[in-house]
Amino acid sequence: MMVVFDDFWNNVLRYPRYFVTIVLGIFFALFGWLKPLLRNPISAIALIGFVVAAFIFTFFTLRGMLGLA
């Protein structure tokens, strides 16, 4: 009976590794896609502005939805 639970916990503990792998893969894919935009100063400023605006929008949206204001 104990072997079944050991296998269960081994499987459960694998999921954080899968999550980290997927997140890193998405990050590297997006960075590789956006990297050429960082070579031109105008597009780099626009990209940084977009990222900051998206973060601020998400921050204020979650703050309003969770009632933390």
PDB file of N, CA and C in Angstrom:
ATOM      1  N   MET A   1       0.822  -1.199   0.000  1.00  0.00           N
ATOM      2  CA  MET A   1       0.000   0.000   0.000  1.00  0.00           C
ATOM      3  C   MET A   1       0.861   1.256   0.000  1.00  0.00           C
ATOM      4  N   MET A   2       2.004   1.220   0.661  1.00  0.00           N
ATOM      5  CA  MET A   2       2.862   2.395   0.738  1.00  0.00           C
ATOM      6  C   MET A   2       3.514   2.712  -0.598  1.00  0.00           C
ATOM      7  N   VAL A   3       3.738   1.699  -1.426  1.00  0.00           N
ATOM      8  CA  VAL A   3       4.359   1.914  -2.730  1.00  0.00           C
ATOM      9  C   VAL A   3       3.441   2.760  -3.613  1.00  0.00           C
ATOM     10  N   VAL A   4       2.136   2.547  -3.491  1.00  0.00           N
ATOM     11  CA  VAL A   4       1.172   3.302  -4.290  1.00  0.00           C
ATOM     12  C   VAL A   4       1.261   4.783  -3.948  1.00  0.00           C
ATOM     13  N   PHE A   5       1.344   5.115  -2.658  1.00  0.00           N
ATOM     14  CA  PHE A   5       1.423   6.517  -2.257  1.00  0.00           C
ATOM     15  C   PHE A   5       2.762   7.140  -2.641  1.00  0.00           C
ATOM     16  N   ASP A   6       3.831   6.369  -2.608  1.00  0.00           N
ATOM     17  CA  ASP A   6       5.128   6.898  -3.043  1.00  0.00           C
ATOM     18  C   ASP A   6       5.090   7.265  -4.522  1.00  0.00           C
ATOM     19  N   ASP A   7       4.495   6.406  -5.325  1.00  0.00           N
ATOM     20  CA  ASP A   7       4.358   6.721  -6.749  1.00  0.00           C
ATOM     21  C   ASP A   7       3.478   7.947  -6.953  1.00  0.00           C
ATOM     22  N   PHE A   8       2.425   8.048  -6.155  1.00  0.00           N
ATOM     23  CA  PHE A   8       1.529   9.197  -6.260  1.00  0.00           C
ATOM     24  C   PHE A   8       2.274  10.491  -5.972  1.00  0.00           C
ATOM     25  N   TRP A   9       3.025  10.538  -4.870  1.00  0.00           N
ATOM     26  CA  TRP A   9       3.734  11.771  -4.514  1.00  0.00           C
ATOM     27  C   TRP A   9       4.862  12.083  -5.487  1.00  0.00           C
ATOM     28  N   ASN A  10       5.487  11.068  -6.034  1.00  0.00           N
ATOM     29  CA  ASN A  10       6.506  11.316  -7.062  1.00  0.00           C
ATOM     30  C   ASN A  10       5.891  11.967  -8.296  1.00  0.00           C
ATOM     31  N   ASN A  11       4.704  11.516  -8.667  1.00  0.00           N
ATOM     32  CA  ASN A  11       4.022  12.120  -9.814  1.00  0.00           C
ATOM     33  C   ASN A  11       3.581  13.548  -9.508  1.00  0.00           C
ATOM     34  N   VAL A  12       3.076  13.784  -8.312  1.00  0.00           N
ATOM     35  CA  VAL A  12       2.620  15.127  -7.939  1.00  0.00           C
ATOM     36  C   VAL A  12       3.793  16.099  -7.908  1.00  0.00           C
ATOM     37  N   LEU A  13       4.942  15.664  -7.428  1.00  0.00           N
ATOM     38  CA  LEU A  13       6.096  16.555  -7.323  1.00  0.00           C
ATOM     39  C   LEU A  13       6.731  16.865  -8.678  1.00  0.00           C
ATOM     40  N   ARG A  14       6.337  16.162  -9.716  1.00  0.00           N
ATOM     41  CA  ARG A  14       6.860  16.458 -11.047  1.00  0.00           C
ATOM     42  C   ARG A  14       6.196  17.681 -11.669  1.00  0.00           C
ATOM     43  N   TYR A  15       4.976  17.982 -11.281  1.00  0.00           N
ATOM     44  CA  TYR A  15       4.226  19.058 -11.929  1.00  0.00           C
ATOM     45  C   TYR A  15       4.871  20.428 -11.801  1.00  0.00           C
ATOM     46  N   PRO A  16       5.457  20.824 -10.659  1.00  0.00           N
ATOM     47  CA  PRO A  16       6.144  22.127 -10.635  1.00  0.00           C
ATOM     48  C   PRO A  16       7.287  22.204 -11.648  1.00  0.00           C
ATOM     49  N   ARG A  17       7.989  21.107 -11.866  1.00  0.00           N
ATOM     50  CA  ARG A  17       9.050  21.105 -12.881  1.00  0.00           C
ATOM     51  C   ARG A  17       8.472  21.332 -14.269  1.00  0.00           C
ATOM     52  N   TYR A  18       7.349  20.696 -14.563  1.00  0.00           N
ATOM     53  CA  TYR A  18       6.709  20.898 -15.860  1.00  0.00           C
ATOM     54  C   TYR A  18       6.276  22.353 -16.012  1.00  0.00           C
ATOM     55  N   PHE A  19       5.715  22.919 -14.957  1.00  0.00           N
ATOM     56  CA  PHE A  19       5.256  24.310 -14.997  1.00  0.00           C
ATOM     57  C   PHE A  19       6.414  25.258 -15.276  1.00  0.00           C
ATOM     58  N   VAL A  20       7.521  25.080 -14.562  1.00  0.00           N
ATOM     59  CA  VAL A  20       8.690  25.936 -14.766  1.00  0.00           C
ATOM     60  C   VAL A  20       9.222  25.771 -16.186  1.00  0.00           C
ATOM     61  N   THR A  21       9.258  24.549 -16.680  1.00  0.00           N
ATOM     62  CA  THR A  21       9.742  24.299 -18.035  1.00  0.00           C
ATOM     63  C   THR A  21       8.869  24.993 -19.072  1.00  0.00           C
ATOM     64  N   ILE A  22       7.570  24.923 -18.911  1.00  0.00           N
ATOM     65  CA  ILE A  22       6.654  25.556 -19.862  1.00  0.00           C
ATOM     66  C   ILE A  22       6.792  27.071 -19.815  1.00  0.00           C
ATOM     67  N   VAL A  23       6.864  27.646 -18.607  1.00  0.00           N
ATOM     68  CA  VAL A  23       6.994  29.103 -18.481  1.00  0.00           C
ATOM     69  C   VAL A  23       8.304  29.584 -19.092  1.00  0.00           C
ATOM     70  N   LEU A  24       9.397  28.886 -18.827  1.00  0.00           N
ATOM     71  CA  LEU A  24      10.681  29.281 -19.414  1.00  0.00           C
ATOM     72  C   LEU A  24      10.668  29.139 -20.938  1.00  0.00           C
ATOM     73  N   GLY A  25      10.034  28.103 -21.436  1.00  0.00           N
ATOM     74  CA  GLY A  25       9.935  27.929 -22.884  1.00  0.00           C
ATOM     75  C   GLY A  25       9.153  29.054 -23.542  1.00  0.00           C
ATOM     76  N   ILE A  26       8.053  29.464 -22.920  1.00  0.00           N
ATOM     77  CA  ILE A  26       7.272  30.583 -23.451  1.00  0.00           C
ATOM     78  C   ILE A  26       8.090  31.866 -23.401  1.00  0.00           C
ATOM     79  N   PHE A  27       8.806  32.091 -22.293  1.00  0.00           N
ATOM     80  CA  PHE A  27       9.625  33.297 -22.160  1.00  0.00           C
ATOM     81  C   PHE A  27      10.705  33.348 -23.234  1.00  0.00           C
ATOM     82  N   PHE A  28      11.426  32.257 -23.426  1.00  0.00           N
ATOM     83  CA  PHE A  28      12.497  32.248 -24.422  1.00  0.00           C
ATOM     84  C   PHE A  28      11.954  32.386 -25.842  1.00  0.00           C
ATOM     85  N   ALA A  29      10.797  31.789 -26.122  1.00  0.00           N
ATOM     86  CA  ALA A  29      10.199  31.926 -27.451  1.00  0.00           C
ATOM     87  C   ALA A  29       9.789  33.373 -27.711  1.00  0.00           C
ATOM     88  N   LEU A  30       9.152  34.008 -26.727  1.00  0.00           N
ATOM     89  CA  LEU A  30       8.756  35.410 -26.900  1.00  0.00           C
ATOM     90  C   LEU A  30       9.961  36.326 -26.988  1.00  0.00           C
ATOM     91  N   PHE A  31      10.976  36.075 -26.185  1.00  0.00           N
ATOM     92  CA  PHE A  31      12.168  36.919 -26.228  1.00  0.00           C
ATOM     93  C   PHE A  31      12.876  36.785 -27.573  1.00  0.00           C
ATOM     94  N   GLY A  32      12.958  35.586 -28.097  1.00  0.00           N
ATOM     95  CA  GLY A  32      13.573  35.394 -29.408  1.00  0.00           C
ATOM     96  C   GLY A  32      12.799  36.084 -30.514  1.00  0.00           C
ATOM     97  N   TRP A  33      11.477  36.146 -30.349  1.00  0.00           N
ATOM     98  CA  TRP A  33      10.637  36.797 -31.333  1.00  0.00           C
ATOM     99  C   TRP A  33      10.737  38.321 -31.233  1.00  0.00           C
ATOM    100  N   LEU A  34      10.890  38.852 -30.017  1.00  0.00           N
ATOM    101  CA  LEU A  34      10.940  40.301 -29.804  1.00  0.00           C
ATOM    102  C   LEU A  34      12.350  40.872 -29.851  1.00  0.00           C
ATOM    103  N   LYS A  35      13.357  40.032 -29.832  1.00  0.00           N
ATOM    104  CA  LYS A  35      14.748  40.497 -29.810  1.00  0.00           C
ATOM    105  C   LYS A  35      15.100  41.407 -30.984  1.00  0.00           C
ATOM    106  N   PRO A  36      14.664  41.119 -32.216  1.00  0.00           N
ATOM    107  CA  PRO A  36      14.995  42.043 -33.315  1.00  0.00           C
ATOM    108  C   PRO A  36      14.415  43.442 -33.126  1.00  0.00           C
ATOM    109  N   LEU A  37      13.315  43.553 -32.385  1.00  0.00           N
ATOM    110  CA  LEU A  37      12.724  44.872 -32.157  1.00  0.00           C
ATOM    111  C   LEU A  37      13.580  45.730 -31.237  1.00  0.00           C
ATOM    112  N   LEU A  38      14.430  45.110 -30.434  1.00  0.00           N
ATOM    113  CA  LEU A  38      15.252  45.866 -29.492  1.00  0.00           C
ATOM    114  C   LEU A  38      16.471  46.497 -30.158  1.00  0.00           C
ATOM    115  N   ARG A  39      16.751  46.152 -31.396  1.00  0.00           N
ATOM    116  CA  ARG A  39      17.917  46.721 -32.088  1.00  0.00           C
ATOM    117  C   ARG A  39      17.663  48.149 -32.549  1.00  0.00           C
ATOM    118  N   ASN A  40      16.437  48.444 -32.928  1.00  0.00           N
ATOM    119  CA  ASN A  40      16.069  49.789 -33.355  1.00  0.00           C
ATOM    120  C   ASN A  40      15.622  50.583 -32.122  1.00  0.00           C
ATOM    121  N   PRO A  41      16.222  51.742 -31.839  1.00  0.00           N
ATOM    122  CA  PRO A  41      15.873  52.485 -30.617  1.00  0.00           C
ATOM    123  C   PRO A  41      14.400  52.887 -30.534  1.00  0.00           C
ATOM    124  N   ILE A  42      13.801  53.253 -31.652  1.00  0.00           N
ATOM    125  CA  ILE A  42      12.397  53.674 -31.632  1.00  0.00           C
ATOM    126  C   ILE A  42      11.490  52.500 -31.274  1.00  0.00           C
ATOM    127  N   SER A  43      11.710  51.363 -31.904  1.00  0.00           N
ATOM    128  CA  SER A  43      10.872  50.204 -31.598  1.00  0.00           C
ATOM    129  C   SER A  43      11.177  49.661 -30.203  1.00  0.00           C
ATOM    130  N   ALA A  44      12.412  49.833 -29.719  1.00  0.00           N
ATOM    131  CA  ALA A  44      12.740  49.392 -28.361  1.00  0.00           C
ATOM    132  C   ALA A  44      11.981  50.227 -27.337  1.00  0.00           C
ATOM    133  N   ILE A  45      11.923  51.540 -27.553  1.00  0.00           N
ATOM    134  CA  ILE A  45      11.176  52.412 -26.640  1.00  0.00           C
ATOM    135  C   ILE A  45       9.693  52.065 -26.681  1.00  0.00           C
ATOM    136  N   ALA A  46       9.162  51.821 -27.878  1.00  0.00           N
ATOM    137  CA  ALA A  46       7.755  51.450 -28.006  1.00  0.00           C
ATOM    138  C   ALA A  46       7.476  50.117 -27.320  1.00  0.00           C
ATOM    139  N   LEU A  47       8.366  49.154 -27.469  1.00  0.00           N
ATOM    140  CA  LEU A  47       8.181  47.844 -26.845  1.00  0.00           C
ATOM    141  C   LEU A  47       8.223  47.948 -25.324  1.00  0.00           C
ATOM    142  N   ILE A  48       9.180  48.697 -24.805  1.00  0.00           N
ATOM    143  CA  ILE A  48       9.278  48.879 -23.352  1.00  0.00           C
ATOM    144  C   ILE A  48       8.047  49.610 -22.829  1.00  0.00           C
ATOM    145  N   GLY A  49       7.593  50.623 -23.556  1.00  0.00           N
ATOM    146  CA  GLY A  49       6.376  51.337 -23.164  1.00  0.00           C
ATOM    147  C   GLY A  49       5.162  50.430 -23.153  1.00  0.00           C
ATOM    148  N   PHE A  50       5.065  49.552 -24.146  1.00  0.00           N
ATOM    149  CA  PHE A  50       3.948  48.616 -24.200  1.00  0.00           C
ATOM    150  C   PHE A  50       3.982  47.643 -23.025  1.00  0.00           C
ATOM    151  N   VAL A  51       5.159  47.133 -22.696  1.00  0.00           N
ATOM    152  CA  VAL A  51       5.287  46.186 -21.577  1.00  0.00           C
ATOM    153  C   VAL A  51       4.922  46.867 -20.260  1.00  0.00           C
ATOM    154  N   VAL A  52       5.403  48.091 -20.059  1.00  0.00           N
ATOM    155  CA  VAL A  52       5.082  48.831 -18.833  1.00  0.00           C
ATOM    156  C   VAL A  52       3.586  49.122 -18.774  1.00  0.00           C
ATOM    157  N   ALA A  53       2.993  49.542 -19.890  1.00  0.00           N
ATOM    158  CA  ALA A  53       1.558  49.826 -19.920  1.00  0.00           C
ATOM    159  C   ALA A  53       0.736  48.565 -19.645  1.00  0.00           C
ATOM    160  N   ALA A  54       1.153  47.432 -20.188  1.00  0.00           N
ATOM    161  CA  ALA A  54       0.438  46.177 -19.944  1.00  0.00           C
ATOM    162  C   ALA A  54       0.529  45.778 -18.475  1.00  0.00           C
ATOM    163  N   PHE A  55       1.703  45.979 -17.865  1.00  0.00           N
ATOM    164  CA  PHE A  55       1.856  45.661 -16.446  1.00  0.00           C
ATOM    165  C   PHE A  55       0.976  46.565 -15.592  1.00  0.00           C
ATOM    166  N   ILE A  56       0.971  47.869 -15.881  1.00  0.00           N
ATOM    167  CA  ILE A  56       0.161  48.812 -15.102  1.00  0.00           C
ATOM    168  C   ILE A  56      -1.322  48.503 -15.274  1.00  0.00           C
ATOM    169  N   PHE A  57      -1.752  48.201 -16.502  1.00  0.00           N
ATOM    170  CA  PHE A  57      -3.146  47.845 -16.751  1.00  0.00           C
ATOM    171  C   PHE A  57      -3.542  46.607 -15.959  1.00  0.00           C
ATOM    172  N   THR A  58      -2.703  45.582 -15.989  1.00  0.00           N
ATOM    173  CA  THR A  58      -2.988  44.358 -15.241  1.00  0.00           C
ATOM    174  C   THR A  58      -3.022  44.627 -13.746  1.00  0.00           C
ATOM    175  N   PHE A  59      -2.086  45.427 -13.251  1.00  0.00           N
ATOM    176  CA  PHE A  59      -2.017  45.749 -11.830  1.00  0.00           C
ATOM    177  C   PHE A  59      -3.295  46.436 -11.362  1.00  0.00           C
ATOM    178  N   PHE A  60      -3.719  47.476 -12.075  1.00  0.00           N
ATOM    179  CA  PHE A  60      -4.903  48.216 -11.654  1.00  0.00           C
ATOM    180  C   PHE A  60      -6.183  47.415 -11.860  1.00  0.00           C
ATOM    181  N   THR A  61      -6.229  46.576 -12.884  1.00  0.00           N
ATOM    182  CA  THR A  61      -7.399  45.730 -13.092  1.00  0.00           C
ATOM    183  C   THR A  61      -7.546  44.731 -11.951  1.00  0.00           C
ATOM    184  N   LEU A  62      -6.462  44.052 -11.586  1.00  0.00           N
ATOM    185  CA  LEU A  62      -6.531  43.092 -10.475  1.00  0.00           C
ATOM    186  C   LEU A  62      -6.810  43.793  -9.155  1.00  0.00           C
ATOM    187  N   ARG A  63      -6.235  44.959  -8.968  1.00  0.00           N
ATOM    188  CA  ARG A  63      -6.474  45.721  -7.736  1.00  0.00           C
ATOM    189  C   ARG A  63      -7.951  46.089  -7.612  1.00  0.00           C
ATOM    190  N   GLY A  64      -8.565  46.508  -8.716  1.00  0.00           N
ATOM    191  CA  GLY A  64      -9.983  46.839  -8.697  1.00  0.00           C
ATOM    192  C   GLY A  64     -10.862  45.613  -8.528  1.00  0.00           C
ATOM    193  N   MET A  65     -10.510  44.514  -9.179  1.00  0.00           N
ATOM    194  CA  MET A  65     -11.317  43.300  -9.087  1.00  0.00           C
ATOM    195  C   MET A  65     -11.260  42.682  -7.699  1.00  0.00           C
ATOM    196  N   LEU A  66     -10.111  42.790  -7.039  1.00  0.00           N
ATOM    197  CA  LEU A  66      -9.954  42.186  -5.717  1.00  0.00           C
ATOM    198  C   LEU A  66     -10.352  43.127  -4.596  1.00  0.00           C
ATOM    199  N   GLY A  67     -10.693  44.359  -4.919  1.00  0.00           N
ATOM    200  CA  GLY A  67     -11.130  45.316  -3.909  1.00  0.00           C
ATOM    201  C   GLY A  67     -10.017  45.765  -2.989  1.00  0.00           C
ATOM    202  N   LEU A  68      -8.814  45.905  -3.509  1.00  0.00           N
ATOM    203  CA  LEU A  68      -7.675  46.306  -2.683  1.00  0.00           C
ATOM    204  C   LEU A  68      -7.456  47.814  -2.688  1.00  0.00           C
ATOM    205  N   ALA A  69      -8.331  48.554  -3.340  1.00  0.00           N
ATOM    206  CA  ALA A  69      -8.137  50.006  -3.486  1.00  0.00           C
ATOM    207  C   ALA A  69      -8.276  50.748  -2.186  1.00  0.00           C
TER     208      ALA A  69
END
